[in-house]
Amino acid sequence: MLSDLFYKVVLILWLLLPSYFANSAALLVGGGKPIDFGRSYKGNRIFGKGKTWRGFIGGISLGFLLGLLQQYVARNYIYMIVPPFSSNYTEAALIIITLSFSAMLGDLIGSFVKRRLGYKSGSELPGVDQLSFLLCTFLFTYLFVTNFFLKYFISIEDVMIAVIFTFIIHKTANVFAYLMRRKDVAW
């Protein structure tokens, strides 16, 4: 029983890695022109100074590249441990870009919500900070790569594993980014 749960955790983390990596990598490659071009809506920035085009596109790109590497490794070396995203490379690429793009879009939506609620850029809003990209990832994979979603993320247990580990990964990534001086706060 424990080995089944352990495998399920490994599998879900493996399959969500392009989303996690895209979201985290944006911090490393970000900077430059803000996505909202410095504009405000009702007295608050639309997204905030921390959401930049370079971070958005860089996060998507790095998440996509990691996913392609995962596809290659899973398909050629460790297919007995974890599956590739798909046996078809075109479908795998669609799954990977969906995972990477939706994570970045979800993070952007989370920032938009925080600004509408009056939270400043860099301030913490528990739940929104950790789950906006995951919820968007689930929604987009369901809408655009439905078979992939239904195969791996259909049970409550699958979703709970993803949610719990998303909190852990988010906290760890933020502390790491803080220690690397890429963030002003370690939350």
Protein backbone atom coordinates (compact mmCIF):
# COMPACT_ATOMS: atom_id res chain seq x y z
CA MET A 1 0.00 0.00 0.00
CA LEU A 2 2.74 2.45 0.96
CA SER A 3 4.73 1.56 -2.15
CA ASP A 4 1.65 2.27 -4.30
CA LEU A 5 1.23 5.68 -2.67
CA PHE A 6 4.94 6.42 -3.06
CA TYR A 7 4.77 5.54 -6.76
CA LYS A 8 1.70 7.72 -7.22
CA VAL A 9 3.50 10.68 -5.59
CA VAL A 10 6.56 10.16 -7.81
CA LEU A 11 4.37 9.84 -10.91
CA ILE A 12 2.33 12.99 -10.21
CA LEU A 13 5.41 15.04 -9.41
CA TRP A 14 7.11 13.73 -12.55
CA LEU A 15 4.15 14.63 -14.75
CA LEU A 16 3.72 18.09 -13.19
CA LEU A 17 7.43 18.91 -13.32
CA PRO A 18 7.14 21.14 -16.42
CA SER A 19 4.52 23.22 -14.56
CA TYR A 20 6.55 23.44 -11.37
CA PHE A 21 9.73 24.24 -13.26
CA ALA A 22 8.12 26.89 -15.49
CA ASN A 23 6.68 28.63 -12.45
CA SER A 24 10.00 28.55 -10.56
CA ALA A 25 12.28 29.24 -13.53
CA ALA A 26 10.50 32.52 -14.23
CA LEU A 27 12.18 33.89 -11.10
CA LEU A 28 15.60 32.96 -12.42
CA VAL A 29 15.22 34.41 -15.90
CA GLY A 30 12.77 37.24 -15.14
CA GLY A 31 13.30 40.94 -15.19
CA GLY A 32 12.86 43.53 -17.87
CA LYS A 33 9.60 44.86 -19.26
CA PRO A 34 6.56 44.23 -17.02
CA ILE A 35 3.66 42.40 -18.66
CA ASP A 36 1.29 45.16 -17.56
CA PHE A 37 3.69 47.83 -18.93
CA GLY A 38 3.40 49.62 -15.57
CA ARG A 39 -0.31 50.28 -15.98
CA SER A 40 -2.76 50.39 -13.09
CA TYR A 41 -6.40 49.51 -12.71
CA LYS A 42 -8.42 51.13 -9.91
CA GLY A 43 -5.26 52.35 -8.19
CA ASN A 44 -3.32 49.07 -8.25
CA ARG A 45 -0.93 47.63 -10.81
CA ILE A 46 -2.63 45.14 -13.10
CA PHE A 47 -0.13 42.34 -12.37
CA GLY A 48 2.77 43.99 -10.53
CA LYS A 49 6.38 44.75 -11.26
CA GLY A 50 7.48 41.16 -10.72
CA LYS A 51 5.55 39.77 -13.70
CA THR A 52 7.71 40.39 -16.76
CA TRP A 53 7.67 39.25 -20.35
CA ARG A 54 11.11 37.71 -19.99
CA GLY A 55 9.99 35.72 -16.93
CA PHE A 56 6.71 34.65 -18.55
CA ILE A 57 8.25 33.53 -21.85
CA GLY A 58 11.40 32.21 -20.17
CA GLY A 59 9.37 30.16 -17.69
CA ILE A 60 7.27 28.64 -20.45
CA SER A 61 10.35 27.92 -22.55
CA LEU A 62 12.36 26.33 -19.74
CA GLY A 63 9.36 24.28 -18.59
CA PHE A 64 8.89 23.10 -22.17
CA LEU A 65 12.57 22.19 -22.59
CA LEU A 66 12.56 20.26 -19.31
CA GLY A 67 9.42 18.43 -20.43
CA LEU A 68 11.06 17.47 -23.72
CA LEU A 69 14.04 16.13 -21.79
CA GLN A 70 11.67 14.19 -19.51
CA GLN A 71 9.90 12.77 -22.58
CA TYR A 72 13.20 11.62 -24.05
CA VAL A 73 14.48 10.11 -20.80
CA ALA A 74 11.19 8.41 -19.95
CA ARG A 75 10.74 7.02 -23.42
CA ASN A 76 14.30 5.74 -23.84
CA TYR A 77 15.62 4.92 -20.38
CA ILE A 78 13.17 4.85 -17.49
CA TYR A 79 9.86 3.88 -19.12
CA MET A 80 9.58 1.01 -16.62
CA ILE A 81 9.56 3.56 -13.77
CA VAL A 82 7.64 6.54 -15.14
CA PRO A 83 5.83 6.88 -18.45
CA PRO A 84 6.55 9.42 -21.16
CA PHE A 85 3.88 12.10 -21.56
CA SER A 86 2.74 10.27 -24.68
CA SER A 87 4.08 7.68 -27.10
CA ASN A 88 3.52 10.27 -29.85
CA TYR A 89 6.03 13.15 -29.81
CA THR A 90 3.58 15.69 -31.23
CA GLU A 91 1.01 14.87 -28.57
CA ALA A 92 3.75 14.89 -25.92
CA ALA A 93 4.83 18.37 -27.08
CA LEU A 94 1.22 19.58 -26.83
CA ILE A 95 0.92 18.17 -23.30
CA ILE A 96 4.22 19.74 -22.24
CA ILE A 97 3.45 23.19 -23.66
CA THR A 98 0.01 23.03 -22.04
CA LEU A 99 1.60 22.22 -18.67
CA SER A 100 4.19 25.00 -18.98
CA PHE A 101 1.94 27.72 -20.41
CA SER A 102 -0.98 27.07 -18.07
CA ALA A 103 1.29 27.24 -15.01
CA MET A 104 2.55 30.66 -16.06
CA LEU A 105 -0.95 31.87 -16.95
CA GLY A 106 -2.26 30.63 -13.59
CA ASP A 107 0.50 32.49 -11.75
CA LEU A 108 -0.38 35.64 -13.71
CA ILE A 109 -4.08 35.22 -12.85
CA GLY A 110 -3.12 34.78 -9.20
CA SER A 111 -1.21 38.08 -9.32
CA PHE A 112 -4.18 39.79 -10.95
CA VAL A 113 -6.49 38.53 -8.16
CA LYS A 114 -4.04 39.67 -5.49
CA ARG A 115 -3.84 43.17 -7.00
CA ARG A 116 -7.65 43.40 -7.16
CA LEU A 117 -7.81 42.47 -3.47
CA GLY A 118 -5.29 45.20 -2.65
CA TYR A 119 -2.27 42.99 -2.03
CA LYS A 120 0.98 44.58 -3.16
CA SER A 121 3.50 42.80 -5.36
CA GLY A 122 5.58 40.47 -3.20
CA SER A 123 3.00 40.18 -0.42
CA GLU A 124 1.69 36.77 0.52
CA LEU A 125 -1.84 35.54 -0.02
CA PRO A 126 -1.86 31.90 1.12
CA GLY A 127 -3.63 29.56 -1.24
CA VAL A 128 -3.64 31.94 -4.18
CA ASP A 129 0.16 32.07 -4.30
CA GLN A 130 0.52 28.32 -4.18
CA LEU A 131 -2.48 27.02 -6.06
CA SER A 132 -3.38 29.46 -8.85
CA PHE A 133 -0.88 27.91 -11.25
CA LEU A 134 -1.88 24.36 -10.29
CA LEU A 135 -5.62 25.02 -10.75
CA CYS A 136 -4.96 26.62 -14.13
CA THR A 137 -2.77 23.64 -15.07
CA PHE A 138 -5.57 21.23 -14.20
CA LEU A 139 -8.14 23.30 -16.10
CA PHE A 140 -6.04 23.64 -19.25
CA THR A 141 -4.94 20.00 -19.32
CA TYR A 142 -8.58 18.99 -18.94
CA LEU A 143 -9.64 21.33 -21.76
CA PHE A 144 -6.79 20.75 -24.23
CA VAL A 145 -5.26 17.34 -23.46
CA THR A 146 -8.25 15.65 -21.86
CA ASN A 147 -7.03 12.06 -22.19
CA PHE A 148 -3.80 12.93 -20.36
CA PHE A 149 -5.76 14.65 -17.57
CA LEU A 150 -8.25 11.80 -17.20
CA LYS A 151 -5.48 9.21 -17.14
CA TYR A 152 -3.40 10.84 -14.39
CA PHE A 153 -5.37 13.46 -12.44
CA ILE A 154 -8.91 12.18 -12.10
CA SER A 155 -9.05 10.93 -8.50
CA ILE A 156 -9.31 13.02 -5.35
CA GLU A 157 -6.15 11.28 -4.14
CA ASP A 158 -4.24 12.48 -7.25
CA VAL A 159 -5.42 16.05 -6.74
CA MET A 160 -4.62 16.00 -3.00
CA ILE A 161 -1.10 14.72 -3.67
CA ALA A 162 -0.58 17.53 -6.18
CA VAL A 163 -1.97 20.16 -3.77
CA ILE A 164 0.09 19.00 -0.78
CA PHE A 165 3.32 18.79 -2.72
CA THR A 166 2.64 22.08 -4.46
CA PHE A 167 2.65 23.82 -1.06
CA ILE A 168 5.93 22.11 -0.16
CA ILE A 169 7.58 22.83 -3.52
CA HIS A 170 6.36 26.43 -3.54
CA LYS A 171 7.79 27.10 -0.08
CA THR A 172 11.09 25.42 -0.93
CA ALA A 173 11.42 27.33 -4.22
CA ASN A 174 10.69 30.66 -2.50
CA VAL A 175 13.27 30.05 0.23
CA PHE A 176 15.82 29.06 -2.42
CA ALA A 177 15.02 32.17 -4.49
CA TYR A 178 15.35 34.31 -1.37
CA LEU A 179 18.73 32.77 -0.53
CA MET A 180 19.82 33.36 -4.14
CA ARG A 181 18.70 37.00 -3.75
CA ARG A 182 16.07 36.66 -6.46
CA LYS A 183 13.23 37.44 -4.02
CA ASP A 184 12.94 39.98 -1.21
CA VAL A 185 10.92 37.67 1.05
CA ALA A 186 11.32 33.97 1.87
CA TRP A 187 7.67 33.03 2.22
